[in-house]
Amino acid sequence: MGTVRLIGRGFSDALEHLLLFALLTFAWWAAVLLVIPGPGATIALFAMTDPRRAIDPPDWREAVAVARRNLRRGWALALLTVPLPVVLIWNLGFYGTDGGRLGWLIPVWVLLLGLFLALGAFAFSVSALTDAPAVDALKAGAVLVAARPGRAVFTSVIGWLLVALGTILVVPLVMLVPALVAAIVNRVVAAGLGLAIVDPLAPTEERAREERTRAGRRSRFGP
């Protein structure tokens, strides 16, 4: 499935569960402001926006339990994935306005930033979708980025654009953007891992067989 289509599916997931995603986002912001539960809540945010849960929406007790259970794993992932993007952002902020000898590295840093942001998001998503340990999730995220670097960078760009738009408009950032980004990343990661996602709107096998039978009869005996 193409990257644009996967991103569209992530948007569709958010629109179909708008209220749930908004509530999850508020809870995530509260955890992030408290700092300590933030990484565990981030894994919980990815787990609760798992597209495979479209027919089985989570409840709050489960969300809190997932955040608590993944607190140490979340911090491990945060310590493994956050420092490099922070360094790259600092370099871009400093040398981007300085115009010195290292200015020519800015395009490289921008590309690396996109890849490392995707790696971090993918690792959190892998951990949430598969319950993998931090190191295994990081390895799986790295494989996904290496296999489809263009998809990884494009996903990062979309995420940054959503954050920028949400920051300008303020309300969407508070209400929806984190859960929306998580839903998009989950779609991309699920496709990369080959996880089966049931479409609740898709017809059952019996209905599909019935439709094929009807179509065959119409083509055989007329319109």
Protein backbone atom coordinates (compact mmCIF):
# COMPACT_ATOMS: atom_id res chain seq x y z
CA MET A 1 0.00 0.00 0.00
CA GLY A 2 1.33 3.45 -0.92
CA THR A 3 2.56 5.87 1.70
CA VAL A 4 -0.02 8.52 0.85
CA ARG A 5 -2.81 5.95 1.15
CA LEU A 6 -1.50 4.79 4.53
CA ILE A 7 -1.41 8.38 5.77
CA GLY A 8 -4.95 8.83 4.49
CA ARG A 9 -6.00 5.75 6.46
CA GLY A 10 -4.47 7.33 9.56
CA PHE A 11 -6.54 10.48 8.99
CA SER A 12 -9.61 8.28 8.50
CA ASP A 13 -8.94 6.49 11.80
CA ALA A 14 -8.80 9.84 13.59
CA LEU A 15 -12.02 11.08 12.03
CA GLU A 16 -13.87 7.86 12.80
CA HIS A 17 -12.83 8.01 16.47
CA LEU A 18 -12.65 11.76 16.90
CA LEU A 19 -13.91 11.95 20.48
CA LEU A 20 -11.78 9.02 21.67
CA PHE A 21 -8.65 10.45 20.03
CA ALA A 22 -9.31 13.87 21.54
CA LEU A 23 -9.66 12.37 25.02
CA LEU A 24 -6.50 10.30 24.53
CA THR A 25 -4.65 13.43 23.46
CA PHE A 26 -5.75 15.35 26.56
CA ALA A 27 -4.59 12.47 28.75
CA TRP A 28 -1.28 12.29 26.91
CA TRP A 29 -0.65 16.03 27.36
CA ALA A 30 -1.35 15.68 31.09
CA ALA A 31 1.18 12.83 31.35
CA VAL A 32 3.80 14.74 29.35
CA LEU A 33 3.41 17.81 31.57
CA LEU A 34 4.04 15.57 34.57
CA VAL A 35 7.23 14.39 32.77
CA ILE A 36 7.74 11.06 34.55
CA PRO A 37 4.72 9.21 33.07
CA GLY A 38 5.26 10.82 29.64
CA PRO A 39 7.18 8.04 27.82
CA GLY A 40 4.88 5.32 29.17
CA ALA A 41 1.87 7.39 28.15
CA THR A 42 3.38 7.75 24.67
CA ILE A 43 3.48 3.98 24.24
CA ALA A 44 -0.09 3.86 25.56
CA LEU A 45 -1.13 6.50 23.02
CA PHE A 46 0.24 4.37 20.19
CA ALA A 47 -1.37 1.25 21.66
CA MET A 48 -4.77 2.90 22.05
CA THR A 49 -4.71 4.21 18.46
CA ASP A 50 -3.82 0.79 17.06
CA PRO A 51 -5.91 0.45 13.85
CA ARG A 52 -6.59 -3.18 14.70
CA ARG A 53 -8.71 -1.92 17.59
CA ALA A 54 -11.27 -0.24 15.34
CA ILE A 55 -13.84 -2.89 16.27
CA ASP A 56 -12.74 -3.07 19.92
CA PRO A 57 -12.23 0.47 21.27
CA PRO A 58 -10.10 0.65 24.43
CA ASP A 59 -11.35 1.85 27.78
CA TRP A 60 -9.61 4.17 30.24
CA ARG A 61 -8.60 1.46 32.67
CA GLU A 62 -6.75 -0.34 29.90
CA ALA A 63 -5.05 2.86 28.74
CA VAL A 64 -3.82 3.62 32.26
CA ALA A 65 -2.68 0.02 32.73
CA VAL A 66 -0.71 0.11 29.46
CA ALA A 67 0.96 3.39 30.46
CA ARG A 68 1.97 2.03 33.86
CA ARG A 69 3.20 -1.27 32.48
CA ASN A 70 5.34 0.45 29.86
CA LEU A 71 6.81 3.21 32.01
CA ARG A 72 10.33 1.75 32.14
CA ARG A 73 10.19 0.63 28.52
CA GLY A 74 9.02 4.08 27.48
CA TRP A 75 11.91 5.76 29.27
CA ALA A 76 14.35 3.31 27.69
CA LEU A 77 13.01 4.15 24.25
CA ALA A 78 13.06 7.87 25.00
CA LEU A 79 16.70 7.75 26.12
CA LEU A 80 17.61 5.76 23.00
CA THR A 81 15.76 7.90 20.46
CA VAL A 82 15.46 11.48 21.73
CA PRO A 83 19.09 12.70 22.17
CA LEU A 84 20.14 12.57 18.49
CA PRO A 85 17.13 14.55 17.16
CA VAL A 86 17.68 17.11 19.93
CA VAL A 87 21.32 17.52 18.89
CA LEU A 88 20.34 17.87 15.23
CA ILE A 89 17.66 20.45 16.04
CA TRP A 90 20.20 22.42 18.10
CA ASN A 91 22.70 22.29 15.22
CA LEU A 92 20.08 23.48 12.77
CA GLY A 93 19.05 26.30 15.06
CA PHE A 94 22.63 27.43 15.67
CA TYR A 95 24.31 26.96 12.29
CA GLY A 96 21.17 27.73 10.27
CA THR A 97 21.35 31.36 11.34
CA ASP A 98 25.14 31.54 11.67
CA GLY A 99 26.01 30.87 8.03
CA GLY A 100 29.49 29.63 8.96
CA ARG A 101 31.68 26.87 7.62
CA LEU A 102 29.25 24.11 8.61
CA GLY A 103 26.30 25.68 6.83
CA TRP A 104 26.67 23.23 3.94
CA LEU A 105 25.77 20.40 6.34
CA ILE A 106 22.28 21.78 6.95
CA PRO A 107 20.58 19.69 4.20
CA VAL A 108 22.29 16.56 5.58
CA TRP A 109 21.15 17.39 9.10
CA VAL A 110 17.58 17.98 7.91
CA LEU A 111 17.56 14.57 6.20
CA LEU A 112 19.05 12.87 9.26
CA LEU A 113 16.53 14.62 11.48
CA GLY A 114 13.68 13.25 9.41
CA LEU A 115 15.13 9.74 9.58
CA PHE A 116 15.82 9.83 13.32
CA LEU A 117 12.38 11.25 14.10
CA ALA A 118 10.84 8.47 12.06
CA LEU A 119 13.05 5.93 13.84
CA GLY A 120 11.87 7.13 17.24
CA ALA A 121 8.20 7.19 16.25
CA PHE A 122 8.47 3.79 14.57
CA ALA A 123 10.17 2.30 17.65
CA PHE A 124 7.41 3.53 19.97
CA SER A 125 4.79 2.21 17.56
CA VAL A 126 6.47 -1.19 17.23
CA SER A 127 6.65 -1.48 21.00
CA ALA A 128 2.96 -0.59 21.31
CA LEU A 129 1.71 -2.81 18.48
CA THR A 130 3.83 -5.89 19.23
CA ASP A 131 4.73 -5.46 22.92
CA ALA A 132 8.39 -5.75 21.96
CA PRO A 133 11.14 -4.75 24.43
CA ALA A 134 12.81 -1.39 23.89
CA VAL A 135 15.93 -2.66 22.12
CA ASP A 136 13.95 -5.02 19.87
CA ALA A 137 11.49 -2.24 19.04
CA LEU A 138 14.37 0.07 18.17
CA LYS A 139 15.90 -2.57 15.91
CA ALA A 140 12.58 -3.18 14.17
CA GLY A 141 12.10 0.56 13.72
CA ALA A 142 15.58 0.85 12.22
CA VAL A 143 14.81 -1.96 9.78
CA LEU A 144 11.61 -0.22 8.71
CA VAL A 145 13.46 3.07 8.18
CA ALA A 146 16.29 1.39 6.26
CA ALA A 147 13.88 -0.58 4.09
CA ARG A 148 11.80 2.46 3.10
CA PRO A 149 13.77 5.65 3.89
CA GLY A 150 11.62 7.75 1.57
CA ARG A 151 8.48 6.63 3.36
CA ALA A 152 10.11 7.33 6.73
CA VAL A 153 11.13 10.87 5.77
CA PHE A 154 7.74 11.60 4.19
CA THR A 155 5.98 10.40 7.33
CA SER A 156 8.21 12.68 9.42
CA VAL A 157 7.43 15.62 7.15
CA ILE A 158 3.68 15.02 7.47
CA GLY A 159 4.04 14.78 11.23
CA TRP A 160 5.97 18.06 11.40
CA LEU A 161 3.43 19.79 9.17
CA LEU A 162 0.60 18.61 11.42
CA VAL A 163 2.45 19.82 14.52
CA ALA A 164 3.19 23.18 12.85
CA LEU A 165 -0.43 23.59 11.78
CA GLY A 166 -1.66 22.59 15.20
CA THR A 167 0.75 25.06 16.83
CA ILE A 168 -0.54 27.89 14.66
CA LEU A 169 -4.17 27.02 15.33
CA VAL A 170 -3.45 26.00 18.96
CA VAL A 171 -6.72 24.12 19.53
CA PRO A 172 -6.06 21.21 17.10
CA LEU A 173 -2.62 20.67 18.65
CA VAL A 174 -4.17 20.35 22.09
CA MET A 175 -7.16 18.31 20.99
CA LEU A 176 -6.06 15.93 18.27
CA VAL A 177 -2.59 16.21 16.68
CA PRO A 178 -0.64 13.78 18.94
CA ALA A 179 -3.23 11.01 18.52
CA LEU A 180 -3.51 11.74 14.80
CA VAL A 181 0.26 11.47 14.33
CA ALA A 182 0.27 8.23 16.34
CA ALA A 183 -2.52 6.81 14.15
CA ILE A 184 -0.61 7.69 10.97
CA VAL A 185 2.63 6.16 12.26
CA ASN A 186 0.75 3.04 13.37
CA ARG A 187 -0.63 2.59 9.87
CA VAL A 188 2.83 2.90 8.33
CA VAL A 189 4.43 0.56 10.86
CA ALA A 190 1.63 -2.01 10.63
CA ALA A 191 2.07 -2.09 6.84
CA GLY A 192 5.83 -2.46 7.20
CA LEU A 193 5.48 -5.30 9.70
CA GLY A 194 2.76 -6.99 7.65
CA LEU A 195 0.22 -6.86 10.47
CA ALA A 196 -3.30 -7.75 9.39
CA ILE A 197 -5.84 -4.98 9.95
CA VAL A 198 -9.52 -5.83 9.78
CA ASP A 199 -11.65 -3.21 8.06
CA PRO A 200 -14.92 -3.02 10.02
CA LEU A 201 -16.66 -1.67 6.92
CA ALA A 202 -15.44 -4.47 4.66
CA PRO A 203 -18.02 -7.15 3.75
CA THR A 204 -17.71 -10.58 5.31
CA GLU A 205 -16.46 -13.50 3.23
CA GLU A 206 -19.99 -14.82 2.88
CA ARG A 207 -21.27 -11.42 1.71
CA ALA A 208 -18.39 -11.04 -0.74
CA ARG A 209 -19.10 -14.51 -2.15
CA GLU A 210 -22.76 -13.63 -2.48
CA GLU A 211 -21.92 -10.40 -4.31
CA ARG A 212 -19.63 -12.27 -6.73
CA THR A 213 -22.40 -14.80 -7.39
CA ARG A 214 -24.90 -12.03 -8.11
CA ALA A 215 -22.44 -10.27 -10.40
CA GLY A 216 -21.87 -13.51 -12.32
CA ARG A 217 -25.60 -14.03 -12.77
CA ARG A 218 -26.15 -10.48 -14.03
CA SER A 219 -23.33 -10.77 -16.56
CA ARG A 220 -24.61 -14.15 -17.76
CA PHE A 221 -28.29 -13.39 -18.14
CA GLY A 222 -28.22 -9.68 -18.84
CA PRO A 223 -28.05 -6.42 -16.90
